[in-house]
Amino acid sequence: MVFSLKFCGNYGLGNSTFYKWRDQYGGMETLDIKRLKELEAENRKLKQMLAELCFKSLLQEEFIKMF
């Protein structure tokens, strides 16, 4: 508890943030965390691509209905 208070105080983090990060990343190696971040970034890009394709598809459907 004392470590977390000093750590959070030094870096301006809340205790809940510290414990959330510790629970999420506590047992991981550095390479695992980097890989997780890469996968999360790739997932964000793929979700954005899907949203754009769905929007484009809806626009095409509306255009077809017009004629």
N, C-alpha and C. Protein backbone atom coordinates (compact mmCIF):
# COMPACT_ATOMS: atom_id res chain seq x y z
N MET A 1 0.83 -1.20 0.00
CA MET A 1 0.00 0.00 0.00
C MET A 1 0.87 1.25 0.00
N VAL A 2 1.96 1.24 0.79
CA VAL A 2 2.82 2.41 0.89
C VAL A 2 3.48 2.68 -0.46
N PHE A 3 3.93 1.60 -1.15
CA PHE A 3 4.56 1.76 -2.45
C PHE A 3 3.60 2.43 -3.43
N SER A 4 2.37 1.93 -3.45
CA SER A 4 1.41 2.48 -4.40
C SER A 4 1.12 3.95 -4.12
N LEU A 5 1.05 4.34 -2.86
CA LEU A 5 0.80 5.74 -2.52
C LEU A 5 1.95 6.62 -2.98
N LYS A 6 3.20 6.16 -2.76
CA LYS A 6 4.36 6.95 -3.19
C LYS A 6 4.42 7.01 -4.71
N PHE A 7 4.21 5.88 -5.35
CA PHE A 7 4.25 5.82 -6.81
C PHE A 7 3.20 6.74 -7.41
N CYS A 8 1.98 6.62 -6.92
CA CYS A 8 0.89 7.44 -7.45
C CYS A 8 1.14 8.92 -7.19
N GLY A 9 1.67 9.23 -6.04
CA GLY A 9 1.97 10.61 -5.71
C GLY A 9 3.05 11.20 -6.60
N ASN A 10 4.08 10.40 -6.89
CA ASN A 10 5.18 10.87 -7.73
C ASN A 10 4.74 11.10 -9.18
N TYR A 11 3.83 10.29 -9.67
CA TYR A 11 3.46 10.35 -11.08
C TYR A 11 2.05 10.91 -11.31
N GLY A 12 1.39 11.34 -10.27
CA GLY A 12 0.09 11.96 -10.42
C GLY A 12 -1.01 11.00 -10.83
N LEU A 13 -0.92 9.75 -10.42
CA LEU A 13 -1.93 8.74 -10.72
C LEU A 13 -2.85 8.54 -9.52
N GLY A 14 -4.06 8.14 -9.81
CA GLY A 14 -4.97 7.77 -8.74
C GLY A 14 -4.71 6.33 -8.32
N ASN A 15 -5.03 6.00 -7.09
CA ASN A 15 -4.83 4.63 -6.62
C ASN A 15 -5.62 3.63 -7.44
N SER A 16 -6.83 4.00 -7.84
CA SER A 16 -7.64 3.07 -8.61
C SER A 16 -7.00 2.78 -9.97
N THR A 17 -6.38 3.79 -10.57
CA THR A 17 -5.68 3.58 -11.85
C THR A 17 -4.51 2.64 -11.66
N PHE A 18 -3.75 2.85 -10.60
CA PHE A 18 -2.60 1.98 -10.31
C PHE A 18 -3.04 0.53 -10.16
N TYR A 19 -4.07 0.28 -9.39
CA TYR A 19 -4.50 -1.09 -9.15
C TYR A 19 -5.14 -1.71 -10.39
N LYS A 20 -5.81 -0.89 -11.18
CA LYS A 20 -6.38 -1.38 -12.44
C LYS A 20 -5.26 -1.83 -13.37
N TRP A 21 -4.22 -1.00 -13.52
CA TRP A 21 -3.08 -1.35 -14.36
C TRP A 21 -2.36 -2.57 -13.81
N ARG A 22 -2.21 -2.63 -12.50
CA ARG A 22 -1.52 -3.78 -11.90
C ARG A 22 -2.28 -5.06 -12.16
N ASP A 23 -3.61 -5.01 -12.04
CA ASP A 23 -4.42 -6.20 -12.31
C ASP A 23 -4.34 -6.60 -13.78
N GLN A 24 -4.30 -5.62 -14.68
CA GLN A 24 -4.30 -5.90 -16.11
C GLN A 24 -2.93 -6.35 -16.61
N TYR A 25 -1.86 -5.72 -16.15
CA TYR A 25 -0.53 -5.97 -16.70
C TYR A 25 0.44 -6.61 -15.71
N GLY A 26 0.00 -6.90 -14.51
CA GLY A 26 0.90 -7.35 -13.45
C GLY A 26 1.75 -8.57 -13.77
N GLY A 27 1.19 -9.58 -14.39
CA GLY A 27 1.95 -10.80 -14.66
C GLY A 27 2.58 -10.85 -16.03
N MET A 28 2.55 -9.75 -16.76
CA MET A 28 3.04 -9.76 -18.13
C MET A 28 4.49 -9.28 -18.23
N GLU A 29 5.19 -9.82 -19.22
CA GLU A 29 6.52 -9.35 -19.54
C GLU A 29 6.40 -8.13 -20.44
N THR A 30 7.48 -7.40 -20.58
CA THR A 30 7.49 -6.19 -21.40
C THR A 30 7.09 -6.49 -22.84
N LEU A 31 7.62 -7.57 -23.40
CA LEU A 31 7.30 -7.92 -24.79
C LEU A 31 5.82 -8.26 -24.94
N ASP A 32 5.25 -8.90 -23.91
CA ASP A 32 3.83 -9.22 -23.96
C ASP A 32 2.98 -7.95 -23.98
N ILE A 33 3.37 -6.98 -23.19
CA ILE A 33 2.63 -5.71 -23.12
C ILE A 33 2.73 -4.98 -24.46
N LYS A 34 3.93 -4.96 -25.05
CA LYS A 34 4.09 -4.32 -26.35
C LYS A 34 3.23 -5.01 -27.40
N ARG A 35 3.21 -6.34 -27.39
CA ARG A 35 2.40 -7.08 -28.35
C ARG A 35 0.92 -6.80 -28.14
N LEU A 36 0.48 -6.73 -26.89
CA LEU A 36 -0.90 -6.41 -26.58
C LEU A 36 -1.27 -5.04 -27.13
N LYS A 37 -0.40 -4.06 -26.95
CA LYS A 37 -0.65 -2.71 -27.46
C LYS A 37 -0.73 -2.72 -28.98
N GLU A 38 0.15 -3.49 -29.64
CA GLU A 38 0.10 -3.59 -31.10
C GLU A 38 -1.22 -4.20 -31.56
N LEU A 39 -1.65 -5.25 -30.88
CA LEU A 39 -2.90 -5.90 -31.25
C LEU A 39 -4.10 -4.98 -31.02
N GLU A 40 -4.06 -4.21 -29.94
CA GLU A 40 -5.14 -3.27 -29.67
C GLU A 40 -5.19 -2.19 -30.75
N ALA A 41 -4.02 -1.71 -31.19
CA ALA A 41 -3.98 -0.70 -32.25
C ALA A 41 -4.51 -1.28 -33.56
N GLU A 42 -4.11 -2.51 -33.88
CA GLU A 42 -4.59 -3.16 -35.09
C GLU A 42 -6.11 -3.35 -35.03
N ASN A 43 -6.60 -3.74 -33.87
CA ASN A 43 -8.04 -3.94 -33.69
C ASN A 43 -8.80 -2.64 -33.90
N ARG A 44 -8.27 -1.52 -33.39
CA ARG A 44 -8.90 -0.21 -33.59
C ARG A 44 -8.97 0.12 -35.08
N LYS A 45 -7.87 -0.13 -35.81
CA LYS A 45 -7.85 0.15 -37.24
C LYS A 45 -8.88 -0.70 -37.98
N LEU A 46 -8.96 -1.98 -37.63
CA LEU A 46 -9.90 -2.87 -38.28
C LEU A 46 -11.34 -2.47 -38.00
N LYS A 47 -11.63 -2.05 -36.78
CA LYS A 47 -12.97 -1.59 -36.44
C LYS A 47 -13.33 -0.34 -37.23
N GLN A 48 -12.35 0.56 -37.40
CA GLN A 48 -12.58 1.78 -38.17
C GLN A 48 -12.86 1.42 -39.63
N MET A 49 -12.09 0.49 -40.18
CA MET A 49 -12.30 0.07 -41.56
C MET A 49 -13.69 -0.54 -41.73
N LEU A 50 -14.11 -1.36 -40.78
CA LEU A 50 -15.43 -1.97 -40.85
C LEU A 50 -16.52 -0.91 -40.80
N ALA A 51 -16.37 0.06 -39.92
CA ALA A 51 -17.37 1.12 -39.82
C ALA A 51 -17.46 1.90 -41.14
N GLU A 52 -16.31 2.19 -41.74
CA GLU A 52 -16.31 2.92 -43.01
C GLU A 52 -16.97 2.10 -44.11
N LEU A 53 -16.69 0.80 -44.15
CA LEU A 53 -17.30 -0.06 -45.17
C LEU A 53 -18.81 -0.18 -44.97
N CYS A 54 -19.24 -0.28 -43.74
CA CYS A 54 -20.68 -0.35 -43.47
C CYS A 54 -21.37 0.94 -43.90
N PHE A 55 -20.74 2.07 -43.60
CA PHE A 55 -21.30 3.35 -44.00
C PHE A 55 -21.38 3.46 -45.52
N LYS A 56 -20.31 3.05 -46.18
CA LYS A 56 -20.28 3.09 -47.65
C LYS A 56 -21.38 2.20 -48.23
N SER A 57 -21.57 1.03 -47.63
CA SER A 57 -22.61 0.11 -48.09
C SER A 57 -23.99 0.72 -47.93
N LEU A 58 -24.23 1.38 -46.81
CA LEU A 58 -25.52 2.03 -46.59
C LEU A 58 -25.76 3.15 -47.61
N LEU A 59 -24.71 3.91 -47.90
CA LEU A 59 -24.84 4.97 -48.90
C LEU A 59 -25.18 4.38 -50.27
N GLN A 60 -24.54 3.28 -50.61
CA GLN A 60 -24.81 2.65 -51.90
C GLN A 60 -26.25 2.13 -51.96
N GLU A 61 -26.72 1.55 -50.87
CA GLU A 61 -28.10 1.06 -50.84
C GLU A 61 -29.09 2.21 -51.01
N GLU A 62 -28.83 3.33 -50.34
CA GLU A 62 -29.71 4.49 -50.47
C GLU A 62 -29.67 5.05 -51.89
N PHE A 63 -28.52 5.06 -52.49
CA PHE A 63 -28.38 5.55 -53.85
C PHE A 63 -29.17 4.66 -54.83
N ILE A 64 -29.08 3.35 -54.63
CA ILE A 64 -29.80 2.40 -55.49
C ILE A 64 -31.31 2.57 -55.34
N LYS A 65 -31.77 2.82 -54.12
CA LYS A 65 -33.21 3.01 -53.88
C LYS A 65 -33.74 4.26 -54.59
N MET A 66 -32.88 5.22 -54.79
CA MET A 66 -33.29 6.47 -55.42
C MET A 66 -33.63 6.26 -56.91
N PHE A 67 -33.03 5.24 -57.50
CA PHE A 67 -33.23 5.04 -58.95
C PHE A 67 -33.91 3.78 -59.25
